[in-house]
Amino acid sequence: MNTTPEHDARMAQMTFASVYPHYVTKVERKGRTKDELHQVITWLTGFDDKKLQELIDQKATFETFFSEATINPNADLITGVICGYRIEEIENTLTKQVRYLDKQVDELAKGKKMEKILRTA
């Protein structure tokens, strides 16, 4: 199943600040920490905590958020289904990047080892 142009546009205009608290709640409810969440976000985007907070304060859209990111070269190793979409089949780059993040947050909340989430040896 591929995304629609409307879905892609909605993803682009959604703010990272509106989703971030949900990420924190999800991982903390499952016994993980905000620091671990930040480690995952840093791995995917290259953002440090200061830059992440700036983007939250600016209420940056996902379009802006990911345009400023340096996506990890191993991000394409993130595969599987998230929110009903098979990540490797998503054609829109931005939507794929948002789903990469969603998938990693989901894996963190499910208790996967950090080495697996960060696609390291």
PDB file of N, CA and C in Angstrom:
ATOM      1  N   MET A   1       0.841  -1.173   0.000  1.00  0.00           N
ATOM      2  CA  MET A   1       0.000   0.000   0.000  1.00  0.00           C
ATOM      3  C   MET A   1       0.887   1.237   0.000  1.00  0.00           C
ATOM      4  N   ASN A   2       0.666   2.143  -0.939  1.00  0.00           N
ATOM      5  CA  ASN A   2       1.453   3.360  -0.980  1.00  0.00           C
ATOM      6  C   ASN A   2       0.645   4.528  -0.451  1.00  0.00           C
ATOM      7  N   THR A   3       1.318   5.596  -0.129  1.00  0.00           N
ATOM      8  CA  THR A   3       0.662   6.768   0.435  1.00  0.00           C
ATOM      9  C   THR A   3       0.018   7.606  -0.673  1.00  0.00           C
ATOM     10  N   THR A   4      -0.959   8.419  -0.276  1.00  0.00           N
ATOM     11  CA  THR A   4      -1.611   9.329  -1.224  1.00  0.00           C
ATOM     12  C   THR A   4      -0.942  10.693  -1.132  1.00  0.00           C
ATOM     13  N   PRO A   5      -1.104  11.525  -2.165  1.00  0.00           N
ATOM     14  CA  PRO A   5      -0.548  12.890  -2.087  1.00  0.00           C
ATOM     15  C   PRO A   5      -1.101  13.664  -0.877  1.00  0.00           C
ATOM     16  N   GLU A   6      -2.365  13.430  -0.543  1.00  0.00           N
ATOM     17  CA  GLU A   6      -2.971  14.118   0.604  1.00  0.00           C
ATOM     18  C   GLU A   6      -2.298  13.680   1.913  1.00  0.00           C
ATOM     19  N   HIS A   7      -2.048  12.380   2.012  1.00  0.00           N
ATOM     20  CA  HIS A   7      -1.371  11.842   3.203  1.00  0.00           C
ATOM     21  C   HIS A   7       0.024  12.437   3.322  1.00  0.00           C
ATOM     22  N   ASP A   8       0.750  12.477   2.208  1.00  0.00           N
ATOM     23  CA  ASP A   8       2.111  13.029   2.209  1.00  0.00           C
ATOM     24  C   ASP A   8       2.106  14.499   2.612  1.00  0.00           C
ATOM     25  N   ALA A   9       1.127  15.270   2.113  1.00  0.00           N
ATOM     26  CA  ALA A   9       1.034  16.693   2.444  1.00  0.00           C
ATOM     27  C   ALA A   9       0.722  16.880   3.930  1.00  0.00           C
ATOM     28  N   ARG A  10      -0.153  16.040   4.456  1.00  0.00           N
ATOM     29  CA  ARG A  10      -0.507  16.121   5.875  1.00  0.00           C
ATOM     30  C   ARG A  10       0.719  15.834   6.742  1.00  0.00           C
ATOM     31  N   MET A  11       1.505  14.834   6.346  1.00  0.00           N
ATOM     32  CA  MET A  11       2.723  14.497   7.088  1.00  0.00           C
ATOM     33  C   MET A  11       3.706  15.675   7.065  1.00  0.00           C
ATOM     34  N   ALA A  12       3.847  16.300   5.911  1.00  0.00           N
ATOM     35  CA  ALA A  12       4.800  17.404   5.757  1.00  0.00           C
ATOM     36  C   ALA A  12       4.445  18.585   6.650  1.00  0.00           C
ATOM     37  N   GLN A  13       3.149  18.844   6.815  1.00  0.00           N
ATOM     38  CA  GLN A  13       2.710  20.017   7.578  1.00  0.00           C
ATOM     39  C   GLN A  13       2.535  19.766   9.074  1.00  0.00           C
ATOM     40  N   MET A  14       2.559  18.513   9.483  1.00  0.00           N
ATOM     41  CA  MET A  14       2.455  18.188  10.903  1.00  0.00           C
ATOM     42  C   MET A  14       3.712  18.691  11.605  1.00  0.00           C
ATOM     43  N   THR A  15       3.554  19.234  12.799  1.00  0.00           N
ATOM     44  CA  THR A  15       4.737  19.735  13.502  1.00  0.00           C
ATOM     45  C   THR A  15       5.362  18.638  14.348  1.00  0.00           C
ATOM     46  N   PHE A  16       6.680  18.663  14.391  1.00  0.00           N
ATOM     47  CA  PHE A  16       7.400  17.713  15.237  1.00  0.00           C
ATOM     48  C   PHE A  16       7.008  17.932  16.701  1.00  0.00           C
ATOM     49  N   ALA A  17       6.829  19.198  17.088  1.00  0.00           N
ATOM     50  CA  ALA A  17       6.471  19.531  18.475  1.00  0.00           C
ATOM     51  C   ALA A  17       5.146  18.905  18.893  1.00  0.00           C
ATOM     52  N   SER A  18       4.232  18.709  17.947  1.00  0.00           N
ATOM     53  CA  SER A  18       2.931  18.115  18.294  1.00  0.00           C
ATOM     54  C   SER A  18       3.029  16.608  18.502  1.00  0.00           C
ATOM     55  N   VAL A  19       4.021  15.971  17.895  1.00  0.00           N
ATOM     56  CA  VAL A  19       4.174  14.520  17.978  1.00  0.00           C
ATOM     57  C   VAL A  19       5.163  14.109  19.070  1.00  0.00           C
ATOM     58  N   TYR A  20       6.158  14.938  19.302  1.00  0.00           N
ATOM     59  CA  TYR A  20       7.225  14.621  20.247  1.00  0.00           C
ATOM     60  C   TYR A  20       6.719  14.200  21.633  1.00  0.00           C
ATOM     61  N   PRO A  21       5.764  14.926  22.247  1.00  0.00           N
ATOM     62  CA  PRO A  21       5.288  14.489  23.572  1.00  0.00           C
ATOM     63  C   PRO A  21       4.688  13.078  23.545  1.00  0.00           C
ATOM     64  N   HIS A  22       4.077  12.705  22.433  1.00  0.00           N
ATOM     65  CA  HIS A  22       3.513  11.359  22.293  1.00  0.00           C
ATOM     66  C   HIS A  22       4.624  10.311  22.239  1.00  0.00           C
ATOM     67  N   TYR A  23       5.714  10.652  21.557  1.00  0.00           N
ATOM     68  CA  TYR A  23       6.870   9.754  21.526  1.00  0.00           C
ATOM     69  C   TYR A  23       7.391   9.534  22.944  1.00  0.00           C
ATOM     70  N   VAL A  24       7.569  10.641  23.693  1.00  0.00           N
ATOM     71  CA  VAL A  24       8.097  10.555  25.058  1.00  0.00           C
ATOM     72  C   VAL A  24       7.181   9.691  25.923  1.00  0.00           C
ATOM     73  N   THR A  25       5.885   9.962  25.873  1.00  0.00           N
ATOM     74  CA  THR A  25       4.912   9.205  26.663  1.00  0.00           C
ATOM     75  C   THR A  25       4.956   7.723  26.309  1.00  0.00           C
ATOM     76  N   LYS A  26       5.002   7.432  25.022  1.00  0.00           N
ATOM     77  CA  LYS A  26       4.999   6.037  24.565  1.00  0.00           C
ATOM     78  C   LYS A  26       6.199   5.268  25.106  1.00  0.00           C
ATOM     79  N   VAL A  27       7.388   5.848  24.982  1.00  0.00           N
ATOM     80  CA  VAL A  27       8.579   5.115  25.421  1.00  0.00           C
ATOM     81  C   VAL A  27       8.669   5.040  26.944  1.00  0.00           C
ATOM     82  N   GLU A  28       8.299   6.121  27.636  1.00  0.00           N
ATOM     83  CA  GLU A  28       8.383   6.103  29.099  1.00  0.00           C
ATOM     84  C   GLU A  28       7.357   5.150  29.707  1.00  0.00           C
ATOM     85  N   ARG A  29       6.184   5.063  29.093  1.00  0.00           N
ATOM     86  CA  ARG A  29       5.146   4.150  29.580  1.00  0.00           C
ATOM     87  C   ARG A  29       5.631   2.696  29.498  1.00  0.00           C
ATOM     88  N   LYS A  30       6.533   2.431  28.557  1.00  0.00           N
ATOM     89  CA  LYS A  30       7.056   1.078  28.378  1.00  0.00           C
ATOM     90  C   LYS A  30       8.403   0.866  29.067  1.00  0.00           C
ATOM     91  N   GLY A  31       8.779   1.820  29.942  1.00  0.00           N
ATOM     92  CA  GLY A  31       9.991   1.637  30.735  1.00  0.00           C
ATOM     93  C   GLY A  31      11.272   2.117  30.084  1.00  0.00           C
ATOM     94  N   ARG A  32      11.173   2.812  28.980  1.00  0.00           N
ATOM     95  CA  ARG A  32      12.375   3.372  28.352  1.00  0.00           C
ATOM     96  C   ARG A  32      12.487   4.841  28.761  1.00  0.00           C
ATOM     97  N   THR A  33      13.589   5.492  28.394  1.00  0.00           N
ATOM     98  CA  THR A  33      13.824   6.856  28.861  1.00  0.00           C
ATOM     99  C   THR A  33      13.818   7.868  27.715  1.00  0.00           C
ATOM    100  N   LYS A  34      13.651   9.125  28.125  1.00  0.00           N
ATOM    101  CA  LYS A  34      13.725  10.233  27.165  1.00  0.00           C
ATOM    102  C   LYS A  34      15.129  10.291  26.542  1.00  0.00           C
ATOM    103  N   ASP A  35      16.153   9.978  27.336  1.00  0.00           N
ATOM    104  CA  ASP A  35      17.529   9.959  26.816  1.00  0.00           C
ATOM    105  C   ASP A  35      17.678   8.914  25.707  1.00  0.00           C
ATOM    106  N   GLU A  36      17.052   7.750  25.896  1.00  0.00           N
ATOM    107  CA  GLU A  36      17.101   6.720  24.855  1.00  0.00           C
ATOM    108  C   GLU A  36      16.371   7.194  23.603  1.00  0.00           C
ATOM    109  N   LEU A  37      15.240   7.871  23.789  1.00  0.00           N
ATOM    110  CA  LEU A  37      14.509   8.438  22.657  1.00  0.00           C
ATOM    111  C   LEU A  37      15.388   9.422  21.906  1.00  0.00           C
ATOM    112  N   HIS A  38      16.069  10.287  22.636  1.00  0.00           N
ATOM    113  CA  HIS A  38      16.960  11.266  22.001  1.00  0.00           C
ATOM    114  C   HIS A  38      18.118  10.581  21.276  1.00  0.00           C
ATOM    115  N   GLN A  39      18.600   9.487  21.831  1.00  0.00           N
ATOM    116  CA  GLN A  39      19.669   8.732  21.169  1.00  0.00           C
ATOM    117  C   GLN A  39      19.185   8.221  19.809  1.00  0.00           C
ATOM    118  N   VAL A  40      17.955   7.729  19.766  1.00  0.00           N
ATOM    119  CA  VAL A  40      17.369   7.228  18.518  1.00  0.00           C
ATOM    120  C   VAL A  40      17.188   8.375  17.516  1.00  0.00           C
ATOM    121  N   ILE A  41      16.657   9.509  17.984  1.00  0.00           N
ATOM    122  CA  ILE A  41      16.443  10.658  17.102  1.00  0.00           C
ATOM    123  C   ILE A  41      17.772  11.183  16.575  1.00  0.00           C
ATOM    124  N   THR A  42      18.781  11.234  17.448  1.00  0.00           N
ATOM    125  CA  THR A  42      20.111  11.696  17.040  1.00  0.00           C
ATOM    126  C   THR A  42      20.707  10.765  15.992  1.00  0.00           C
ATOM    127  N   TRP A  43      20.555   9.465  16.189  1.00  0.00           N
ATOM    128  CA  TRP A  43      21.081   8.501  15.217  1.00  0.00           C
ATOM    129  C   TRP A  43      20.460   8.736  13.837  1.00  0.00           C
ATOM    130  N   LEU A  44      19.146   8.934  13.800  1.00  0.00           N
ATOM    131  CA  LEU A  44      18.459   9.095  12.516  1.00  0.00           C
ATOM    132  C   LEU A  44      18.731  10.450  11.868  1.00  0.00           C
ATOM    133  N   THR A  45      18.753  11.529  12.673  1.00  0.00           N
ATOM    134  CA  THR A  45      18.765  12.887  12.110  1.00  0.00           C
ATOM    135  C   THR A  45      20.084  13.633  12.242  1.00  0.00           C
ATOM    136  N   GLY A  46      20.922  13.218  13.182  1.00  0.00           N
ATOM    137  CA  GLY A  46      22.154  13.953  13.450  1.00  0.00           C
ATOM    138  C   GLY A  46      21.952  15.120  14.400  1.00  0.00           C
ATOM    139  N   PHE A  47      20.731  15.360  14.873  1.00  0.00           N
ATOM    140  CA  PHE A  47      20.458  16.482  15.777  1.00  0.00           C
ATOM    141  C   PHE A  47      20.939  16.185  17.187  1.00  0.00           C
ATOM    142  N   ASP A  48      21.586  17.182  17.808  1.00  0.00           N
ATOM    143  CA  ASP A  48      21.891  17.060  19.231  1.00  0.00           C
ATOM    144  C   ASP A  48      20.688  17.587  20.018  1.00  0.00           C
ATOM    145  N   ASP A  49      20.753  17.488  21.350  1.00  0.00           N
ATOM    146  CA  ASP A  49      19.624  17.905  22.186  1.00  0.00           C
ATOM    147  C   ASP A  49      19.267  19.375  21.991  1.00  0.00           C
ATOM    148  N   LYS A  50      20.292  20.218  21.825  1.00  0.00           N
ATOM    149  CA  LYS A  50      20.061  21.662  21.651  1.00  0.00           C
ATOM    150  C   LYS A  50      19.276  21.926  20.366  1.00  0.00           C
ATOM    151  N   LYS A  51      19.694  21.322  19.271  1.00  0.00           N
ATOM    152  CA  LYS A  51      19.019  21.514  17.987  1.00  0.00           C
ATOM    153  C   LYS A  51      17.606  20.947  18.044  1.00  0.00           C
ATOM    154  N   LEU A  52      17.445  19.827  18.683  1.00  0.00           N
ATOM    155  CA  LEU A  52      16.129  19.218  18.830  1.00  0.00           C
ATOM    156  C   LEU A  52      15.187  20.158  19.574  1.00  0.00           C
ATOM    157  N   GLN A  53      15.685  20.758  20.658  1.00  0.00           N
ATOM    158  CA  GLN A  53      14.853  21.692  21.424  1.00  0.00           C
ATOM    159  C   GLN A  53      14.516  22.934  20.599  1.00  0.00           C
ATOM    160  N   GLU A  54      15.466  23.422  19.806  1.00  0.00           N
ATOM    161  CA  GLU A  54      15.200  24.574  18.924  1.00  0.00           C
ATOM    162  C   GLU A  54      14.056  24.266  17.968  1.00  0.00           C
ATOM    163  N   LEU A  55      14.091  23.098  17.359  1.00  0.00           N
ATOM    164  CA  LEU A  55      13.052  22.713  16.401  1.00  0.00           C
ATOM    165  C   LEU A  55      11.694  22.557  17.083  1.00  0.00           C
ATOM    166  N   ILE A  56      11.703  22.071  18.317  1.00  0.00           N
ATOM    167  CA  ILE A  56      10.456  21.956  19.084  1.00  0.00           C
ATOM    168  C   ILE A  56       9.926  23.359  19.390  1.00  0.00           C
ATOM    169  N   ASP A  57      10.805  24.237  19.860  1.00  0.00           N
ATOM    170  CA  ASP A  57      10.403  25.608  20.200  1.00  0.00           C
ATOM    171  C   ASP A  57       9.879  26.375  18.980  1.00  0.00           C
ATOM    172  N   GLN A  58      10.479  26.116  17.815  1.00  0.00           N
ATOM    173  CA  GLN A  58      10.055  26.773  16.565  1.00  0.00           C
ATOM    174  C   GLN A  58       8.776  26.175  15.999  1.00  0.00           C
ATOM    175  N   LYS A  59       8.330  25.064  16.594  1.00  0.00           N
ATOM    176  CA  LYS A  59       7.187  24.319  16.071  1.00  0.00           C
ATOM    177  C   LYS A  59       7.407  23.974  14.591  1.00  0.00           C
ATOM    178  N   ALA A  60       8.599  23.470  14.326  1.00  0.00           N
ATOM    179  CA  ALA A  60       8.991  23.104  12.961  1.00  0.00           C
ATOM    180  C   ALA A  60       8.112  21.979  12.436  1.00  0.00           C
ATOM    181  N   THR A  61       7.710  22.110  11.184  1.00  0.00           N
ATOM    182  CA  THR A  61       6.965  21.030  10.540  1.00  0.00           C
ATOM    183  C   THR A  61       7.929  19.881  10.279  1.00  0.00           C
ATOM    184  N   PHE A  62       7.375  18.691  10.005  1.00  0.00           N
ATOM    185  CA  PHE A  62       8.241  17.569   9.651  1.00  0.00           C
ATOM    186  C   PHE A  62       9.028  17.890   8.383  1.00  0.00           C
ATOM    187  N   GLU A  63       8.445  18.675   7.491  1.00  0.00           N
ATOM    188  CA  GLU A  63       9.161  19.068   6.272  1.00  0.00           C
ATOM    189  C   GLU A  63      10.432  19.833   6.636  1.00  0.00           C
ATOM    190  N   THR A  64      10.319  20.805   7.525  1.00  0.00           N
ATOM    191  CA  THR A  64      11.477  21.572   7.978  1.00  0.00           C
ATOM    192  C   THR A  64      12.418  20.697   8.793  1.00  0.00           C
ATOM    193  N   PHE A  65      11.848  19.927   9.704  1.00  0.00           N
ATOM    194  CA  PHE A  65      12.625  19.053  10.582  1.00  0.00           C
ATOM    195  C   PHE A  65      13.558  18.168   9.761  1.00  0.00           C
ATOM    196  N   PHE A  66      13.000  17.469   8.776  1.00  0.00           N
ATOM    197  CA  PHE A  66      13.826  16.544   8.009  1.00  0.00           C
ATOM    198  C   PHE A  66      14.677  17.238   6.950  1.00  0.00           C
ATOM    199  N   SER A  67      14.296  18.442   6.517  1.00  0.00           N
ATOM    200  CA  SER A  67      15.145  19.158   5.560  1.00  0.00           C
ATOM    201  C   SER A  67      16.433  19.622   6.234  1.00  0.00           C
ATOM    202  N   GLU A  68      16.392  19.817   7.556  1.00  0.00           N
ATOM    203  CA  GLU A  68      17.579  20.234   8.301  1.00  0.00           C
ATOM    204  C   GLU A  68      18.381  19.053   8.841  1.00  0.00           C
ATOM    205  N   ALA A  69      17.835  17.861   8.706  1.00  0.00           N
ATOM    206  CA  ALA A  69      18.491  16.666   9.242  1.00  0.00           C
ATOM    207  C   ALA A  69      19.551  16.129   8.287  1.00  0.00           C
ATOM    208  N   THR A  70      20.512  15.432   8.864  1.00  0.00           N
ATOM    209  CA  THR A  70      21.469  14.654   8.093  1.00  0.00           C
ATOM    210  C   THR A  70      21.095  13.199   8.359  1.00  0.00           C
ATOM    211  N   ILE A  71      20.333  12.623   7.442  1.00  0.00           N
ATOM    212  CA  ILE A  71      19.793  11.277   7.647  1.00  0.00           C
ATOM    213  C   ILE A  71      20.929  10.254   7.670  1.00  0.00           C
ATOM    214  N   ASN A  72      20.880   9.391   8.661  1.00  0.00           N
ATOM    215  CA  ASN A  72      21.894   8.350   8.812  1.00  0.00           C
ATOM    216  C   ASN A  72      21.934   7.483   7.548  1.00  0.00           C
ATOM    217  N   PRO A  73      23.133   7.203   7.029  1.00  0.00           N
ATOM    218  CA  PRO A  73      23.236   6.391   5.815  1.00  0.00           C
ATOM    219  C   PRO A  73      22.652   4.981   5.964  1.00  0.00           C
ATOM    220  N   ASN A  74      22.515   4.501   7.191  1.00  0.00           N
ATOM    221  CA  ASN A  74      21.940   3.172   7.413  1.00  0.00           C
ATOM    222  C   ASN A  74      20.426   3.209   7.626  1.00  0.00           C
ATOM    223  N   ALA A  75      19.818   4.368   7.445  1.00  0.00           N
ATOM    224  CA  ALA A  75      18.371   4.487   7.676  1.00  0.00           C
ATOM    225  C   ALA A  75      17.576   3.549   6.770  1.00  0.00           C
ATOM    226  N   ASP A  76      18.104   3.252   5.596  1.00  0.00           N
ATOM    227  CA  ASP A  76      17.366   2.364   4.686  1.00  0.00           C
ATOM    228  C   ASP A  76      17.322   0.918   5.193  1.00  0.00           C
ATOM    229  N   LEU A  77      18.036   0.642   6.283  1.00  0.00           N
ATOM    230  CA  LEU A  77      17.944  -0.680   6.912  1.00  0.00           C
ATOM    231  C   LEU A  77      16.698  -0.804   7.782  1.00  0.00           C
ATOM    232  N   ILE A  78      16.005   0.330   7.992  1.00  0.00           N
ATOM    233  CA  ILE A  78      14.758   0.320   8.770  1.00  0.00           C
ATOM    234  C   ILE A  78      13.654  -0.150   7.836  1.00  0.00           C
ATOM    235  N   THR A  79      13.123  -1.325   8.116  1.00  0.00           N
ATOM    236  CA  THR A  79      12.097  -1.904   7.260  1.00  0.00           C
ATOM    237  C   THR A  79      10.947  -2.415   8.110  1.00  0.00           C
ATOM    238  N   GLY A  80       9.889  -2.808   7.442  1.00  0.00           N
ATOM    239  CA  GLY A  80       8.748  -3.361   8.151  1.00  0.00           C
ATOM    240  C   GLY A  80       7.518  -2.498   7.959  1.00  0.00           C
ATOM    241  N   VAL A  81       6.491  -2.821   8.721  1.00  0.00           N
ATOM    242  CA  VAL A  81       5.215  -2.125   8.593  1.00  0.00           C
ATOM    243  C   VAL A  81       5.015  -1.220   9.794  1.00  0.00           C
ATOM    244  N   ILE A  82       4.609   0.007   9.520  1.00  0.00           N
ATOM    245  CA  ILE A  82       4.253   0.956  10.573  1.00  0.00           C
ATOM    246  C   ILE A  82       3.034   1.735  10.107  1.00  0.00           C
ATOM    247  N   CYS A  83       2.038   1.803  10.957  1.00  0.00           N
ATOM    248  CA  CYS A  83       0.789   2.525  10.638  1.00  0.00           C
ATOM    249  C   CYS A  83       0.154   2.019   9.335  1.00  0.00           C
ATOM    250  N   GLY A  84       0.314   0.734   9.072  1.00  0.00           N
ATOM    251  CA  GLY A  84      -0.300   0.136   7.891  1.00  0.00           C
ATOM    252  C   GLY A  84       0.484   0.288   6.601  1.00  0.00           C
ATOM    253  N   TYR A  85       1.652   0.894   6.662  1.00  0.00           N
ATOM    254  CA  TYR A  85       2.471   1.103   5.466  1.00  0.00           C
ATOM    255  C   TYR A  85       3.770   0.326   5.586  1.00  0.00           C
ATOM    256  N   ARG A  86       4.153  -0.373   4.531  1.00  0.00           N
ATOM    257  CA  ARG A  86       5.449  -1.046   4.479  1.00  0.00           C
ATOM    258  C   ARG A  86       6.471   0.033   4.133  1.00  0.00           C
ATOM    259  N   ILE A  87       7.383   0.308   5.051  1.00  0.00           N
ATOM    260  CA  ILE A  87       8.320   1.421   4.924  1.00  0.00           C
ATOM    261  C   ILE A  87       9.105   1.375   3.614  1.00  0.00           C
ATOM    262  N   GLU A  88       9.603   0.212   3.273  1.00  0.00           N
ATOM    263  CA  GLU A  88      10.459   0.119   2.077  1.00  0.00           C
ATOM    264  C   GLU A  88       9.686   0.373   0.776  1.00  0.00           C
ATOM    265  N   GLU A  89       8.359   0.400   0.830  1.00  0.00           N
ATOM    266  CA  GLU A  89       7.555   0.653  -0.372  1.00  0.00           C
ATOM    267  C   GLU A  89       7.081   2.100  -0.477  1.00  0.00           C
ATOM    268  N   ILE A  90       7.320   2.911   0.555  1.00  0.00           N
ATOM    269  CA  ILE A  90       6.895   4.312   0.518  1.00  0.00           C
ATOM    270  C   ILE A  90       7.788   5.069  -0.452  1.00  0.00           C
ATOM    271  N   GLU A  91       7.178   5.747  -1.409  1.00  0.00           N
ATOM    272  CA  GLU A  91       7.941   6.450  -2.441  1.00  0.00           C
ATOM    273  C   GLU A  91       8.305   7.875  -2.045  1.00  0.00           C
ATOM    274  N   ASN A  92       7.439   8.559  -1.299  1.00  0.00           N
ATOM    275  CA  ASN A  92       7.702   9.940  -0.899  1.00  0.00           C
ATOM    276  C   ASN A  92       8.798   9.950   0.169  1.00  0.00           C
ATOM    277  N   THR A  93       9.889  10.658  -0.112  1.00  0.00           N
ATOM    278  CA  THR A  93      11.058  10.656   0.778  1.00  0.00           C
ATOM    279  C   THR A  93      10.716  11.154   2.177  1.00  0.00           C
ATOM    280  N   LEU A  94       9.999  12.260   2.270  1.00  0.00           N
ATOM    281  CA  LEU A  94       9.673  12.814   3.580  1.00  0.00           C
ATOM    282  C   LEU A  94       8.795  11.856   4.383  1.00  0.00           C
ATOM    283  N   THR A  95       7.771  11.318   3.756  1.00  0.00           N
ATOM    284  CA  THR A  95       6.892  10.377   4.452  1.00  0.00           C
ATOM    285  C   THR A  95       7.682   9.166   4.923  1.00  0.00           C
ATOM    286  N   LYS A  96       8.605   8.700   4.099  1.00  0.00           N
ATOM    287  CA  LYS A  96       9.450   7.560   4.479  1.00  0.00           C
ATOM    288  C   LYS A  96      10.297   7.913   5.702  1.00  0.00           C
ATOM    289  N   GLN A  97      10.848   9.124   5.737  1.00  0.00           N
ATOM    290  CA  GLN A  97      11.679   9.538   6.867  1.00  0.00           C
ATOM    291  C   GLN A  97      10.853   9.634   8.157  1.00  0.00           C
ATOM    292  N   VAL A  98       9.634  10.165   8.054  1.00  0.00           N
ATOM    293  CA  VAL A  98       8.760  10.231   9.229  1.00  0.00           C
ATOM    294  C   VAL A  98       8.464   8.818   9.722  1.00  0.00           C
ATOM    295  N   ARG A  99       8.199   7.913   8.809  1.00  0.00           N
ATOM    296  CA  ARG A  99       7.899   6.528   9.185  1.00  0.00           C
ATOM    297  C   ARG A  99       9.119   5.816   9.740  1.00  0.00           C
ATOM    298  N   TYR A 100      10.342   6.182   9.268  1.00  0.00           N
ATOM    299  CA  TYR A 100      11.559   5.641   9.886  1.00  0.00           C
ATOM    300  C   TYR A 100      11.555   5.979  11.381  1.00  0.00           C
ATOM    301  N   LEU A 101      11.291   7.252  11.679  1.00  0.00           N
ATOM    302  CA  LEU A 101      11.286   7.693  13.066  1.00  0.00           C
ATOM    303  C   LEU A 101      10.191   6.979  13.859  1.00  0.00           C
ATOM    304  N   ASP A 102       8.995   6.902  13.283  1.00  0.00           N
ATOM    305  CA  ASP A 102       7.893   6.200  13.956  1.00  0.00           C
ATOM    306  C   ASP A 102       8.277   4.754  14.278  1.00  0.00           C
ATOM    307  N   LYS A 103       8.891   4.091  13.309  1.00  0.00           N
ATOM    308  CA  LYS A 103       9.276   2.684  13.485  1.00  0.00           C
ATOM    309  C   LYS A 103      10.305   2.534  14.596  1.00  0.00           C
ATOM    310  N   GLN A 104      11.289   3.437  14.625  1.00  0.00           N
ATOM    311  CA  GLN A 104      12.319   3.345  15.661  1.00  0.00           C
ATOM    312  C   GLN A 104      11.738   3.620  17.054  1.00  0.00           C
ATOM    313  N   VAL A 105      10.828   4.576  17.153  1.00  0.00           N
ATOM    314  CA  VAL A 105      10.183   4.856  18.434  1.00  0.00           C
ATOM    315  C   VAL A 105       9.377   3.632  18.869  1.00  0.00           C
ATOM    316  N   ASP A 106       8.692   3.018  17.921  1.00  0.00           N
ATOM    317  CA  ASP A 106       7.913   1.815  18.203  1.00  0.00           C
ATOM    318  C   ASP A 106       8.821   0.686  18.699  1.00  0.00           C
ATOM    319  N   GLU A 107       9.949   0.496  18.038  1.00  0.00           N
ATOM    320  CA  GLU A 107      10.894  -0.547  18.456  1.00  0.00           C
ATOM    321  C   GLU A 107      11.445  -0.270  19.852  1.00  0.00           C
ATOM    322  N   LEU A 108      11.726   0.989  20.143  1.00  0.00           N
ATOM    323  CA  LEU A 108      12.214   1.372  21.470  1.00  0.00           C
ATOM    324  C   LEU A 108      11.164   1.032  22.527  1.00  0.00           C
ATOM    325  N   ALA A 109       9.918   1.398  22.246  1.00  0.00           N
ATOM    326  CA  ALA A 109       8.827   1.137  23.189  1.00  0.00           C
ATOM    327  C   ALA A 109       8.586  -0.362  23.373  1.00  0.00           C
ATOM    328  N   LYS A 110       8.864  -1.143  22.339  1.00  0.00           N
ATOM    329  CA  LYS A 110       8.654  -2.595  22.432  1.00  0.00           C
ATOM    330  C   LYS A 110       9.810  -3.317  23.126  1.00  0.00           C
ATOM    331  N   GLY A 111      10.830  -2.553  23.533  1.00  0.00           N
ATOM    332  CA  GLY A 111      11.910  -3.144  24.312  1.00  0.00           C
ATOM    333  C   GLY A 111      13.048  -3.735  23.505  1.00  0.00           C
ATOM    334  N   LYS A 112      13.110  -3.414  22.213  1.00  0.00           N
ATOM    335  CA  LYS A 112      14.238  -3.932  21.423  1.00  0.00           C
ATOM    336  C   LYS A 112      15.547  -3.371  21.951  1.00  0.00           C
ATOM    337  N   LYS A 113      16.606  -4.128  21.745  1.00  0.00           N
ATOM    338  CA  LYS A 113      17.932  -3.676  22.148  1.00  0.00           C
ATOM    339  C   LYS A 113      18.341  -2.480  21.281  1.00  0.00           C
ATOM    340  N   MET A 114      19.041  -1.543  21.909  1.00  0.00           N
ATOM    341  CA  MET A 114      19.450  -0.314  21.224  1.00  0.00           C
ATOM    342  C   MET A 114      20.303  -0.618  19.985  1.00  0.00           C
ATOM    343  N   GLU A 115      21.151  -1.656  20.048  1.00  0.00           N
ATOM    344  CA  GLU A 115      21.994  -2.007  18.902  1.00  0.00           C
ATOM    345  C   GLU A 115      21.133  -2.345  17.675  1.00  0.00           C
ATOM    346  N   LYS A 116      20.007  -3.005  17.905  1.00  0.00           N
ATOM    347  CA  LYS A 116      19.120  -3.380  16.795  1.00  0.00           C
ATOM    348  C   LYS A 116      18.375  -2.157  16.268  1.00  0.00           C
ATOM    349  N   ILE A 117      17.926  -1.298  17.176  1.00  0.00           N
ATOM    350  CA  ILE A 117      17.196  -0.095  16.781  1.00  0.00           C
ATOM    351  C   ILE A 117      18.089   0.815  15.952  1.00  0.00           C
ATOM    352  N   LEU A 118      19.351   0.918  16.353  1.00  0.00           N
ATOM    353  CA  LEU A 118      20.299   1.801  15.664  1.00  0.00           C
ATOM    354  C   LEU A 118      21.027   1.109  14.514  1.00  0.00           C
ATOM    355  N   ARG A 119      20.564  -0.090  14.199  1.00  0.00           N
ATOM    356  CA  ARG A 119      21.101  -0.849  13.054  1.00  0.00           C
ATOM    357  C   ARG A 119      22.627  -0.912  13.083  1.00  0.00           C
ATOM    358  N   THR A 120      23.157  -1.343  14.256  1.00  0.00           N
ATOM    359  CA  THR A 120      24.598  -1.547  14.366  1.00  0.00           C
ATOM    360  C   THR A 120      24.884  -3.032  14.542  1.00  0.00           C
ATOM    361  N   ALA A 121      26.145  -3.403  14.427  1.00  0.00           N
ATOM    362  CA  ALA A 121      26.529  -4.811  14.494  1.00  0.00           C
ATOM    363  C   ALA A 121      26.214  -5.439  15.821  1.00  0.00           C
TER     364      ALA A 121
END
